[in-house]
């Protein structure tokens, strides 16, 4: 793919409660990434008005709230979230089929302007030992595939997954199913608290639709340059 196509598939995770800093970062990254991910940390501090202040008209919004509740509550949450006009938003696949179907029922009436809904399978900070500690004996990879199949059968647009599962998921779920991949680290960056990681180029080759990258960009001396370097790796 060319650089513009790669840049459109790079989403920067703005994980902070600093509104001024988030707005400055958004300005620096204008034209360098395909969108900004704003999640619980930022949303709980600043709400919808803060989200709009950062994203404005220049960036696509990935609203990463990872909703996980009874079906009616998740449907109501997505109805409210849609007013911020995200192009992408998240729920938890482990909430079950009824919850995921309710989520899709909530956004479908919005037509072509609705957000794409992707279901979180397993957090990239968790490995097999972490699963065992909460009573799950299934390996992470197998659990991800099981939850992805449930999400696809429930009508969800895609899943959030580690790059390590992307190749298997692409084969299982087909070309149109979105694979949103966090836990991506360029070779020159720290792994931080992520346990299941790949480089940007490896993740794209494995079948990722979007890459979500935070600290390698946000903590760089020059965030725009860091994003450009990641895009180069994605483009191959």
Protein backbone atom coordinates (compact mmCIF):
# COMPACT_ATOMS: atom_id res chain seq x y z
CA UNK A 1 0.00 0.00 0.00
CA UNK A 2 1.10 3.61 -0.46
CA UNK A 3 1.81 6.01 2.38
CA UNK A 4 -1.58 7.73 2.29
CA UNK A 5 -3.38 4.40 2.56
CA UNK A 6 -1.12 3.38 5.44
CA UNK A 7 -1.63 6.68 7.27
CA UNK A 8 -5.42 6.27 7.01
CA UNK A 9 -5.10 2.98 8.89
CA UNK A 10 -3.02 4.39 11.75
CA UNK A 11 -4.96 5.57 14.82
CA UNK A 12 -3.19 7.39 17.64
CA UNK A 13 -4.26 6.49 21.18
CA UNK A 14 -4.56 9.72 23.16
CA UNK A 15 -4.58 8.22 26.65
CA UNK A 16 -4.45 11.22 28.97
CA UNK A 17 -6.61 13.46 31.15
CA UNK A 18 -4.73 16.55 29.97
CA UNK A 19 -7.13 18.44 27.69
CA UNK A 20 -4.60 21.08 26.66
CA UNK A 21 -1.99 18.47 25.86
CA UNK A 22 -4.49 16.36 23.92
CA UNK A 23 -5.53 19.35 21.81
CA UNK A 24 -1.89 20.20 21.08
CA UNK A 25 -1.15 16.61 20.10
CA UNK A 26 -4.16 16.53 17.78
CA UNK A 27 -2.88 19.66 16.07
CA UNK A 28 0.60 18.17 15.66
CA UNK A 29 -0.79 14.97 14.12
CA UNK A 30 -3.09 16.63 11.61
CA UNK A 31 -2.42 14.94 8.28
CA UNK A 32 -0.15 12.28 9.80
CA UNK A 33 -2.67 9.74 11.14
CA UNK A 34 -6.10 8.45 10.16
CA UNK A 35 -7.78 9.28 13.45
CA UNK A 36 -7.51 9.64 17.20
CA UNK A 37 -8.52 7.10 19.82
CA UNK A 38 -10.05 8.63 22.92
CA UNK A 39 -10.96 6.23 25.69
CA UNK A 40 -12.16 6.00 29.26
CA UNK A 41 -9.27 7.92 30.78
CA UNK A 42 -9.99 11.02 28.70
CA UNK A 43 -13.77 10.62 28.47
CA UNK A 44 -14.26 10.33 32.24
CA UNK A 45 -12.30 13.54 32.73
CA UNK A 46 -13.79 15.68 29.96
CA UNK A 47 -16.91 14.02 28.53
CA UNK A 48 -18.39 14.66 25.06
CA UNK A 49 -17.40 18.33 24.99
CA UNK A 50 -13.78 17.44 25.60
CA UNK A 51 -13.89 14.82 22.86
CA UNK A 52 -15.20 17.36 20.37
CA UNK A 53 -12.61 19.93 21.47
CA UNK A 54 -9.79 17.52 20.65
CA UNK A 55 -11.11 15.88 17.50
CA UNK A 56 -12.82 18.89 15.91
CA UNK A 57 -13.33 18.64 12.16
CA UNK A 58 -9.80 17.48 11.34
CA UNK A 59 -9.65 13.98 12.81
CA UNK A 60 -11.71 10.81 12.68
CA UNK A 61 -12.81 9.66 16.14
CA UNK A 62 -12.28 6.17 17.51
CA UNK A 63 -14.30 6.30 20.74
CA UNK A 64 -12.94 3.43 22.81
CA UNK A 65 -15.27 3.03 25.80
CA UNK A 66 -15.36 -0.80 25.78
CA UNK A 67 -19.00 -0.97 26.85
CA UNK A 68 -19.89 -4.11 28.82
CA UNK A 69 -23.25 -4.27 30.57
CA UNK A 70 -26.76 -5.66 30.14
CA UNK A 71 -28.03 -5.35 26.55
CA UNK A 72 -30.40 -2.43 27.18
CA UNK A 73 -27.72 -0.38 28.94
CA UNK A 74 -25.16 -0.97 26.20
CA UNK A 75 -27.71 -0.03 23.55
CA UNK A 76 -28.44 3.21 25.40
CA UNK A 77 -24.76 3.93 25.82
CA UNK A 78 -24.12 3.53 22.11
CA UNK A 79 -27.09 5.71 21.27
CA UNK A 80 -25.52 8.46 23.36
CA UNK A 81 -22.02 7.84 22.06
CA UNK A 82 -23.22 8.11 18.46
CA UNK A 83 -23.97 11.79 19.04
CA UNK A 84 -20.21 12.39 19.13
CA UNK A 85 -20.05 10.96 15.59
CA UNK A 86 -17.27 8.41 16.02
CA UNK A 87 -16.46 6.35 12.96
CA UNK A 88 -15.43 3.48 15.25
CA UNK A 89 -16.40 2.43 18.77
CA UNK A 90 -16.00 -0.57 21.08
CA UNK A 91 -17.95 -3.03 23.17
CA UNK A 92 -16.76 -6.20 24.95
CA UNK A 93 -17.34 -9.50 23.14
CA UNK A 94 -17.50 -11.26 26.52
CA UNK A 95 -20.79 -9.44 27.13
CA UNK A 96 -22.41 -12.12 24.99
CA UNK A 97 -24.48 -12.41 21.84
CA UNK A 98 -27.60 -10.66 23.17
CA UNK A 99 -25.57 -7.64 24.25
CA UNK A 100 -23.76 -7.42 20.92
CA UNK A 101 -26.99 -7.72 18.95
CA UNK A 102 -28.51 -4.94 21.07
CA UNK A 103 -25.48 -2.78 20.30
CA UNK A 104 -25.96 -3.25 16.58
CA UNK A 105 -29.70 -2.62 16.83
CA UNK A 106 -28.89 0.71 18.49
CA UNK A 107 -26.64 1.99 15.69
CA UNK A 108 -28.19 0.42 12.58
CA UNK A 109 -30.99 3.04 12.27
CA UNK A 110 -28.29 5.70 11.80
CA UNK A 111 -27.61 4.31 8.33
CA UNK A 112 -24.40 5.03 6.47
CA UNK A 113 -23.31 7.54 9.12
CA UNK A 114 -23.39 5.02 11.95
CA UNK A 115 -20.21 4.13 13.79
CA UNK A 116 -18.63 0.79 13.07
CA UNK A 117 -18.80 -1.35 16.21
CA UNK A 118 -15.89 -3.62 17.10
CA UNK A 119 -15.84 -6.06 19.99
CA UNK A 120 -12.87 -6.39 22.32
CA UNK A 121 -11.79 -10.03 22.48
CA UNK A 122 -8.89 -10.24 24.96
CA UNK A 123 -6.95 -7.25 26.24
CA UNK A 124 -3.42 -7.19 24.83
CA UNK A 125 -2.08 -6.75 28.37
CA UNK A 126 -3.24 -10.33 29.20
CA UNK A 127 -1.48 -13.60 28.47
CA UNK A 128 -2.25 -17.26 29.22
CA UNK A 129 -1.17 -16.94 32.86
CA UNK A 130 -3.53 -14.00 33.35
CA UNK A 131 -6.41 -16.02 31.90
CA UNK A 132 -5.69 -18.90 34.26
CA UNK A 133 -5.73 -16.53 37.22
CA UNK A 134 -9.37 -15.63 36.45
CA UNK A 135 -10.44 -19.25 35.94
CA UNK A 136 -10.03 -19.64 32.16
CA UNK A 137 -7.92 -22.58 31.06
CA UNK A 138 -8.24 -21.86 27.34
CA UNK A 139 -5.13 -20.36 25.67
CA UNK A 140 -5.50 -16.70 24.74
CA UNK A 141 -5.43 -17.36 21.00
CA UNK A 142 -8.25 -19.91 21.14
CA UNK A 143 -10.37 -17.64 23.34
CA UNK A 144 -9.91 -14.77 20.90
CA UNK A 145 -11.09 -16.90 17.98
CA UNK A 146 -14.12 -18.11 19.95
CA UNK A 147 -15.15 -14.57 20.88
CA UNK A 148 -14.54 -13.29 17.35
CA UNK A 149 -16.81 -15.97 15.90
CA UNK A 150 -19.50 -15.03 18.43
CA UNK A 151 -19.11 -11.34 17.55
CA UNK A 152 -19.35 -11.96 13.80
CA UNK A 153 -22.42 -14.17 14.24
CA UNK A 154 -23.99 -11.38 16.32
CA UNK A 155 -23.62 -8.88 13.46
CA UNK A 156 -20.72 -6.86 14.89
CA UNK A 157 -18.44 -5.14 12.34
CA UNK A 158 -15.18 -6.52 13.69
CA UNK A 159 -13.03 -7.12 16.73
CA UNK A 160 -10.15 -5.66 18.65
CA UNK A 161 -7.38 -8.24 18.81
CA UNK A 162 -3.66 -8.71 19.12
CA UNK A 163 -1.64 -8.87 15.94
CA UNK A 164 -0.71 -12.40 16.99
CA UNK A 165 -4.29 -13.52 16.33
CA UNK A 166 -4.86 -11.38 13.22
CA UNK A 167 -3.74 -13.94 10.64
CA UNK A 168 -5.97 -16.69 12.06
CA UNK A 169 -8.88 -14.27 12.42
CA UNK A 170 -8.54 -12.99 8.88
CA UNK A 171 -8.71 -16.55 7.60
CA UNK A 172 -11.65 -17.41 9.87
CA UNK A 173 -13.72 -14.24 9.46
CA UNK A 174 -13.01 -13.12 5.91
CA UNK A 175 -11.76 -9.93 4.29
CA UNK A 176 -14.64 -7.62 5.27
CA UNK A 177 -14.40 -8.19 9.03
CA UNK A 178 -12.53 -5.35 10.76
CA UNK A 179 -9.46 -6.24 12.80
CA UNK A 180 -8.42 -3.34 15.03
CA UNK A 181 -5.01 -4.05 16.49
CA UNK A 182 -3.48 -2.36 19.55
CA UNK A 183 -0.31 -3.52 21.24
CA UNK A 184 1.72 -2.46 18.19
CA UNK A 185 5.27 -1.35 18.88
CA UNK A 186 7.85 -0.25 16.31
CA UNK A 187 11.27 -1.82 16.75
CA UNK A 188 12.66 1.45 18.17
CA UNK A 189 10.02 1.79 20.94
CA UNK A 190 9.60 0.37 24.46
CA UNK A 191 7.11 -2.50 24.90
CA UNK A 192 5.71 -0.83 28.09
CA UNK A 193 2.92 -2.98 29.64
CA UNK A 194 1.95 -4.77 26.42
CA UNK A 195 2.67 -8.52 26.33
CA UNK A 196 1.43 -9.61 22.89
CA UNK A 197 2.98 -7.21 20.40
CA UNK A 198 4.24 -6.94 16.81
CA UNK A 199 5.82 -4.20 14.74
CA UNK A 200 3.50 -2.11 12.52
CA UNK A 201 4.66 -3.77 9.33
CA UNK A 202 4.20 -7.25 10.80
CA UNK A 203 0.70 -6.39 12.02
CA UNK A 204 -0.39 -5.12 8.60
CA UNK A 205 1.07 -8.21 6.93
CA UNK A 206 -0.89 -10.37 9.39
CA UNK A 207 -4.18 -8.82 8.25
CA UNK A 208 -4.86 -5.85 10.53
CA UNK A 209 -7.40 -3.29 9.28
CA UNK A 210 -6.35 -0.52 11.68
CA UNK A 211 -3.38 -0.15 14.01
CA UNK A 212 -3.76 1.64 17.34
CA UNK A 213 -0.51 3.15 18.60
CA UNK A 214 -0.16 5.32 21.68
CA UNK A 215 3.02 5.92 23.62
CA UNK A 216 5.51 5.48 20.74
CA UNK A 217 3.80 8.53 19.21
CA UNK A 218 2.52 10.50 22.19
CA UNK A 219 5.76 10.31 24.18
CA UNK A 220 8.02 11.05 21.23
CA UNK A 221 9.90 14.34 21.07
CA UNK A 222 8.29 14.83 17.65
CA UNK A 223 4.95 12.95 17.51
CA UNK A 224 4.38 13.72 13.83
CA UNK A 225 7.78 12.30 12.89
CA UNK A 226 7.13 9.20 15.01
CA UNK A 227 3.79 8.69 13.25
CA UNK A 228 5.47 9.10 9.87
CA UNK A 229 8.07 6.48 10.77
CA UNK A 230 5.31 4.04 11.76
CA UNK A 231 3.48 4.74 8.49
CA UNK A 232 6.68 3.96 6.57
CA UNK A 233 6.91 0.61 8.32
CA UNK A 234 3.22 -0.09 7.56
CA UNK A 235 3.63 0.80 3.90
CA UNK A 236 6.61 -1.50 3.58
